[in-house]
């Protein structure tokens, strides 16, 4: 068996956003949003894209969007590349989803909560150890929740997941392992095969069930990602080399200047017993205060 890479947008939508994905998405969201508890019993997968309702407002393109039984909207995005201002984009998408629920004439009471679940194939928050981070509105000094706390941002940073296959315990562990390593597996692991929804996800991800057109599309998406990652890496390398060169030039200039100053001080020290301060200052270019300090040091 060979499996498609669920981290590409095309594969992610196919696994979690297609007509047969409802139970898969319920299990996935219960694992990542609700710590593996069976909180979500039913949902509706809806068209994820949010066209602008105001002239000049940006389009919003999401991977998967669902409405839970209580009306809560969940928007899900898998992001492989650490593009500029990505954090702002996540916030924009969540705010836009929340605001544009209302039809003309409806009151604010019809607004339902929004959960923005974002999986990243890079470290979104370097220096922070937790793999899953949750952000809500809180009072700044004391930390209590805003009463109408209806927008939550959840981030899952895949690089911070380090468990091996035999260490998987929770449903959360298994879904994250699927996301991170399915592309490199050749069979469904035994400790994951007993979960019906995970088995279904593996079946959808099985390359044997895809058409030639679907495989070609996946190859194009993966090649684009590799090219972009290469471009980012090249840019970082160039920036590093440029920074090192500038640092080297600055260091050489600083070292040269320090050498000149030291030579002046050495010359002045040798003249202390032969000339007065004014004559030494004229000969070396040092200030009278610097020469007085040398006299005090070597007297």
Protein backbone atom coordinates (compact mmCIF):
# COMPACT_ATOMS: atom_id res chain seq x y z
CA UNK A 1 0.00 0.00 0.00
CA UNK A 2 1.00 3.60 -0.62
CA UNK A 3 -0.87 6.52 0.85
CA UNK A 4 -1.25 10.08 -0.35
CA UNK A 5 0.17 12.86 1.77
CA UNK A 6 -2.69 14.23 3.93
CA UNK A 7 -0.73 17.42 4.51
CA UNK A 8 -1.34 18.63 0.94
CA UNK A 9 -4.51 20.68 0.57
CA UNK A 10 -5.94 18.42 -2.16
CA UNK A 11 -5.48 15.25 -0.10
CA UNK A 12 -6.65 16.89 3.12
CA UNK A 13 -9.91 17.98 1.51
CA UNK A 14 -10.40 14.55 -0.04
CA UNK A 15 -9.93 12.75 3.29
CA UNK A 16 -11.81 15.14 5.59
CA UNK A 17 -14.09 17.19 3.37
CA UNK A 18 -15.66 14.80 0.87
CA UNK A 19 -19.18 13.39 0.96
CA UNK A 20 -18.09 10.16 2.65
CA UNK A 21 -15.93 11.94 5.26
CA UNK A 22 -18.55 12.87 7.86
CA UNK A 23 -17.68 10.21 10.45
CA UNK A 24 -13.98 10.67 9.76
CA UNK A 25 -14.22 14.40 10.42
CA UNK A 26 -16.25 13.85 13.60
CA UNK A 27 -13.55 11.55 14.99
CA UNK A 28 -10.77 13.90 13.87
CA UNK A 29 -12.37 16.95 15.52
CA UNK A 30 -13.20 15.07 18.71
CA UNK A 31 -9.53 14.08 18.88
CA UNK A 32 -7.99 17.51 18.25
CA UNK A 33 -10.61 19.94 19.54
CA UNK A 34 -12.12 17.95 22.42
CA UNK A 35 -9.13 15.86 23.63
CA UNK A 36 -10.56 12.58 22.33
CA UNK A 37 -13.93 12.77 24.05
CA UNK A 38 -17.06 12.01 22.00
CA UNK A 39 -18.35 15.58 22.21
CA UNK A 40 -19.41 15.93 18.57
CA UNK A 41 -22.21 13.54 17.65
CA UNK A 42 -23.20 15.03 14.31
CA UNK A 43 -22.08 17.71 11.87
CA UNK A 44 -22.64 19.01 8.37
CA UNK A 45 -19.75 19.49 5.96
CA UNK A 46 -20.35 22.72 4.05
CA UNK A 47 -18.65 24.60 1.23
CA UNK A 48 -15.48 26.00 2.80
CA UNK A 49 -14.81 29.05 0.64
CA UNK A 50 -16.09 32.40 1.87
CA UNK A 51 -16.54 34.83 -1.03
CA UNK A 52 -16.28 38.51 -0.08
CA UNK A 53 -19.59 40.09 0.84
CA UNK A 54 -18.13 43.60 0.84
CA UNK A 55 -16.39 45.21 -2.11
CA UNK A 56 -12.62 45.09 -1.74
CA UNK A 57 -12.64 42.44 1.01
CA UNK A 58 -10.35 39.47 0.47
CA UNK A 59 -11.58 36.01 -0.49
CA UNK A 60 -11.21 33.30 2.13
CA UNK A 61 -10.07 29.84 1.12
CA UNK A 62 -10.28 27.10 3.72
CA UNK A 63 -9.62 23.38 3.48
CA UNK A 64 -12.69 22.12 5.35
CA UNK A 65 -15.66 23.80 6.99
CA UNK A 66 -18.34 22.14 9.13
CA UNK A 67 -21.37 23.10 11.17
CA UNK A 68 -21.87 21.16 14.39
CA UNK A 69 -25.26 20.10 15.71
CA UNK A 70 -25.42 23.11 18.06
CA UNK A 71 -24.62 25.52 15.23
CA UNK A 72 -20.94 26.00 16.07
CA UNK A 73 -18.86 26.54 12.92
CA UNK A 74 -15.49 24.81 12.63
CA UNK A 75 -13.05 25.93 9.96
CA UNK A 76 -10.02 23.74 9.38
CA UNK A 77 -6.80 24.51 7.53
CA UNK A 78 -3.69 22.46 6.91
CA UNK A 79 -0.70 24.74 6.25
CA UNK A 80 2.62 23.35 5.03
CA UNK A 81 4.50 26.57 4.21
CA UNK A 82 5.28 29.23 6.78
CA UNK A 83 4.22 32.16 4.62
CA UNK A 84 4.38 35.80 5.62
CA UNK A 85 1.58 37.02 7.93
CA UNK A 86 0.04 33.55 8.19
CA UNK A 87 -1.08 34.21 11.77
CA UNK A 88 -2.99 37.28 10.61
CA UNK A 89 -4.65 35.20 7.89
CA UNK A 90 -5.90 32.68 10.47
CA UNK A 91 -7.39 35.48 12.55
CA UNK A 92 -8.94 37.11 9.48
CA UNK A 93 -10.58 33.86 8.37
CA UNK A 94 -12.01 33.21 11.84
CA UNK A 95 -13.34 36.77 12.22
CA UNK A 96 -14.84 36.74 8.74
CA UNK A 97 -16.53 33.39 9.35
CA UNK A 98 -18.02 34.71 12.59
CA UNK A 99 -19.20 38.03 11.17
CA UNK A 100 -20.71 36.76 7.92
CA UNK A 101 -23.04 34.22 9.49
CA UNK A 102 -25.82 36.78 9.64
CA UNK A 103 -28.23 37.39 6.81
CA UNK A 104 -29.60 40.88 6.17
CA UNK A 105 -31.83 41.99 9.03
CA UNK A 106 -30.79 39.27 11.50
CA UNK A 107 -29.83 40.22 15.04
CA UNK A 108 -26.55 39.42 16.77
CA UNK A 109 -28.29 36.75 18.86
CA UNK A 110 -28.15 34.48 15.81
CA UNK A 111 -24.34 34.41 15.84
CA UNK A 112 -22.87 31.01 16.69
CA UNK A 113 -19.36 30.23 18.01
CA UNK A 114 -16.48 29.72 15.59
CA UNK A 115 -13.56 27.35 16.11
CA UNK A 116 -10.56 27.80 13.81
CA UNK A 117 -8.46 24.63 13.81
CA UNK A 118 -5.09 25.07 12.10
CA UNK A 119 -2.51 22.33 11.57
CA UNK A 120 0.97 23.48 10.60
CA UNK A 121 3.91 21.53 9.23
CA UNK A 122 6.24 24.08 10.83
CA UNK A 123 6.65 25.55 14.32
CA UNK A 124 4.10 28.30 14.63
CA UNK A 125 5.30 29.28 18.10
CA UNK A 126 9.06 28.63 18.43
CA UNK A 127 10.19 28.33 22.02
CA UNK A 128 6.84 27.00 23.24
CA UNK A 129 6.79 23.30 24.09
CA UNK A 130 3.11 22.40 23.81
CA UNK A 131 2.04 20.84 20.53
CA UNK A 132 -1.61 21.96 20.70
CA UNK A 133 -2.23 25.61 21.62
CA UNK A 134 -5.63 27.19 22.26
CA UNK A 135 -6.42 30.89 22.24
CA UNK A 136 -9.59 32.59 23.50
CA UNK A 137 -10.53 36.07 24.72
CA UNK A 138 -9.50 36.69 28.36
CA UNK A 139 -9.28 39.70 30.65
CA UNK A 140 -5.66 40.82 30.38
CA UNK A 141 -4.64 41.27 34.03
CA UNK A 142 -6.66 38.52 35.78
CA UNK A 143 -7.34 36.01 33.02
CA UNK A 144 -11.09 35.52 33.30
CA UNK A 145 -13.01 34.74 30.12
CA UNK A 146 -14.89 37.31 28.07
CA UNK A 147 -18.62 36.52 28.64
CA UNK A 148 -19.39 36.09 24.92
CA UNK A 149 -16.26 34.06 24.22
CA UNK A 150 -17.35 32.70 20.87
CA UNK A 151 -14.15 32.56 18.83
CA UNK A 152 -11.39 30.06 19.57
CA UNK A 153 -8.13 29.54 17.68
CA UNK A 154 -6.54 26.09 17.97
CA UNK A 155 -3.11 25.33 16.51
CA UNK A 156 -1.55 21.87 16.10
CA UNK A 157 2.18 22.05 15.31
CA UNK A 158 3.10 18.72 13.71
CA UNK A 159 6.92 19.09 14.11
CA UNK A 160 6.45 19.08 17.90
CA UNK A 161 4.89 15.60 17.81
CA UNK A 162 7.71 13.15 18.58
CA UNK A 163 5.98 9.91 19.59
CA UNK A 164 6.90 6.66 17.85
CA UNK A 165 4.26 4.28 16.50
CA UNK A 166 4.47 1.96 19.51
CA UNK A 167 4.01 4.92 21.89
CA UNK A 168 0.61 5.99 20.56
CA UNK A 169 -2.03 5.92 23.27
CA UNK A 170 -4.86 8.38 22.74
CA UNK A 171 -7.10 9.05 19.77
CA UNK A 172 -5.36 12.42 19.51
CA UNK A 173 -1.97 10.71 19.21
CA UNK A 174 -3.20 8.45 16.43
CA UNK A 175 -4.78 11.14 14.31
CA UNK A 176 -1.70 13.34 14.57
CA UNK A 177 0.52 10.39 13.68
CA UNK A 178 -1.70 9.77 10.64
CA UNK A 179 -1.32 13.38 9.55
CA UNK A 180 2.44 13.41 9.99
CA UNK A 181 3.47 9.96 8.78
CA UNK A 182 0.75 8.43 6.56
CA UNK A 183 2.74 9.29 3.42
CA UNK A 184 5.65 7.11 4.55
CA UNK A 185 3.60 4.06 5.65
CA UNK A 186 3.06 0.95 3.53
CA UNK A 187 0.21 -0.54 5.57
CA UNK A 188 -2.31 0.44 8.21
CA UNK A 189 -0.65 0.07 11.64
CA UNK A 190 -2.26 -2.52 13.90
CA UNK A 191 -2.71 -0.10 16.79
CA UNK A 192 -4.66 2.26 14.51
CA UNK A 193 -6.63 -0.20 12.40
CA UNK A 194 -9.15 -0.90 15.18
CA UNK A 195 -10.50 2.66 14.94
CA UNK A 196 -13.15 2.58 12.23
CA UNK A 197 -12.77 6.22 11.20
CA UNK A 198 -8.99 5.99 10.96
CA UNK A 199 -9.31 2.86 8.85
CA UNK A 200 -11.69 4.75 6.54
CA UNK A 201 -9.23 7.63 6.33
CA UNK A 202 -6.45 5.24 5.30
CA UNK A 203 -8.75 3.71 2.68
CA UNK A 204 -9.47 7.12 1.16
CA UNK A 205 -5.76 7.92 1.26
CA UNK A 206 -4.83 4.66 -0.47
CA UNK A 207 -3.33 5.56 -3.84
CA UNK A 208 -4.75 2.38 -5.36
CA UNK A 209 -8.23 3.90 -5.21
CA UNK A 210 -7.34 7.11 -7.03
CA UNK A 211 -7.73 7.93 -10.68
CA UNK A 212 -4.79 8.87 -12.86
CA UNK A 213 -6.02 12.48 -12.91
CA UNK A 214 -6.15 12.59 -9.10
CA UNK A 215 -2.62 11.20 -8.80
CA UNK A 216 -1.32 13.74 -11.30
CA UNK A 217 -3.01 16.55 -9.37
CA UNK A 218 -1.45 15.33 -6.13
CA UNK A 219 1.98 15.19 -7.77
CA UNK A 220 1.58 18.78 -8.97
CA UNK A 221 0.59 19.94 -5.49
CA UNK A 222 3.49 18.17 -3.82
CA UNK A 223 5.95 19.46 -6.42
CA UNK A 224 4.69 23.00 -5.82
CA UNK A 225 5.21 22.59 -2.08
CA UNK A 226 8.73 21.21 -2.57
CA UNK A 227 9.57 24.08 -4.91
CA UNK A 228 8.27 26.66 -2.43
CA UNK A 229 10.13 25.02 0.45
CA UNK A 230 13.28 25.09 -1.66
CA UNK A 231 12.75 28.76 -2.49
CA UNK A 232 12.22 29.60 1.18
CA UNK A 233 15.33 27.63 2.18
CA UNK A 234 17.36 29.33 -0.57
CA UNK A 235 16.14 32.74 0.58
CA UNK A 236 17.06 31.95 4.18
CA UNK A 237 20.51 30.72 3.11
CA UNK A 238 21.12 33.85 1.06
CA UNK A 239 20.00 35.99 3.96
CA UNK A 240 22.30 34.10 6.31
CA UNK A 241 25.27 34.40 3.95
CA UNK A 242 24.60 38.10 3.43
CA UNK A 243 24.32 38.60 7.18
CA UNK A 244 27.55 36.70 7.79
CA UNK A 245 29.37 38.73 5.13
CA UNK A 246 28.12 41.98 6.58
CA UNK A 247 29.05 40.80 10.06
CA UNK A 248 32.53 39.79 8.87
CA UNK A 249 33.08 43.16 7.19
CA UNK A 250 31.88 45.00 10.27
CA UNK A 251 34.04 42.79 12.47
CA UNK A 252 37.13 43.40 10.32
CA UNK A 253 36.53 47.15 10.33
CA UNK A 254 35.99 47.14 14.08
CA UNK A 255 39.14 45.05 14.58
CA UNK A 256 41.16 47.36 12.34
CA UNK A 257 39.98 50.42 14.26
CA UNK A 258 40.73 48.79 17.59
CA UNK A 259 44.22 47.90 16.34
CA UNK A 260 44.90 51.49 15.35
CA UNK A 261 43.76 52.78 18.73
CA UNK A 262 45.92 50.24 20.53
CA UNK A 263 48.95 51.26 18.47
CA UNK A 264 48.34 54.89 19.45
CA UNK A 265 48.21 53.95 23.13
CA UNK A 266 51.40 51.87 22.87
CA UNK A 267 53.22 54.75 21.20
CA UNK A 268 51.99 57.21 23.81
CA UNK A 269 53.09 54.93 26.64
CA UNK A 270 56.62 54.81 25.20
CA UNK A 271 56.74 58.60 25.03
CA UNK A 272 55.53 59.24 28.59
CA UNK A 273 59.08 59.67 29.95
CA UNK A 274 60.27 61.78 27.06
CA UNK A 275 57.58 64.33 26.19
CA UNK A 276 54.89 66.34 27.93
CA UNK A 277 51.20 65.56 27.47
CA UNK A 278 50.59 68.17 24.76
CA UNK A 279 53.47 66.89 22.62
CA UNK A 280 52.36 63.26 23.02
CA UNK A 281 48.81 64.21 22.06
CA UNK A 282 50.09 65.95 18.93
CA UNK A 283 52.26 62.96 18.02
CA UNK A 284 49.66 60.22 18.59
CA UNK A 285 46.30 61.88 18.02
CA UNK A 286 45.07 60.84 21.48
CA UNK A 287 43.25 63.31 23.70
CA UNK A 288 44.87 64.92 26.72
CA UNK A 289 42.40 63.02 28.94
CA UNK A 290 43.51 59.69 27.43
CA UNK A 291 47.18 60.53 27.95
CA UNK A 292 46.54 61.60 31.54
CA UNK A 293 44.85 58.25 32.12
CA UNK A 294 47.90 56.45 30.69
CA UNK A 295 50.25 58.45 32.97
CA UNK A 296 48.16 57.49 35.98
CA UNK A 297 48.12 53.83 34.86
CA UNK A 298 51.87 53.55 34.26
CA UNK A 299 53.21 55.96 36.92
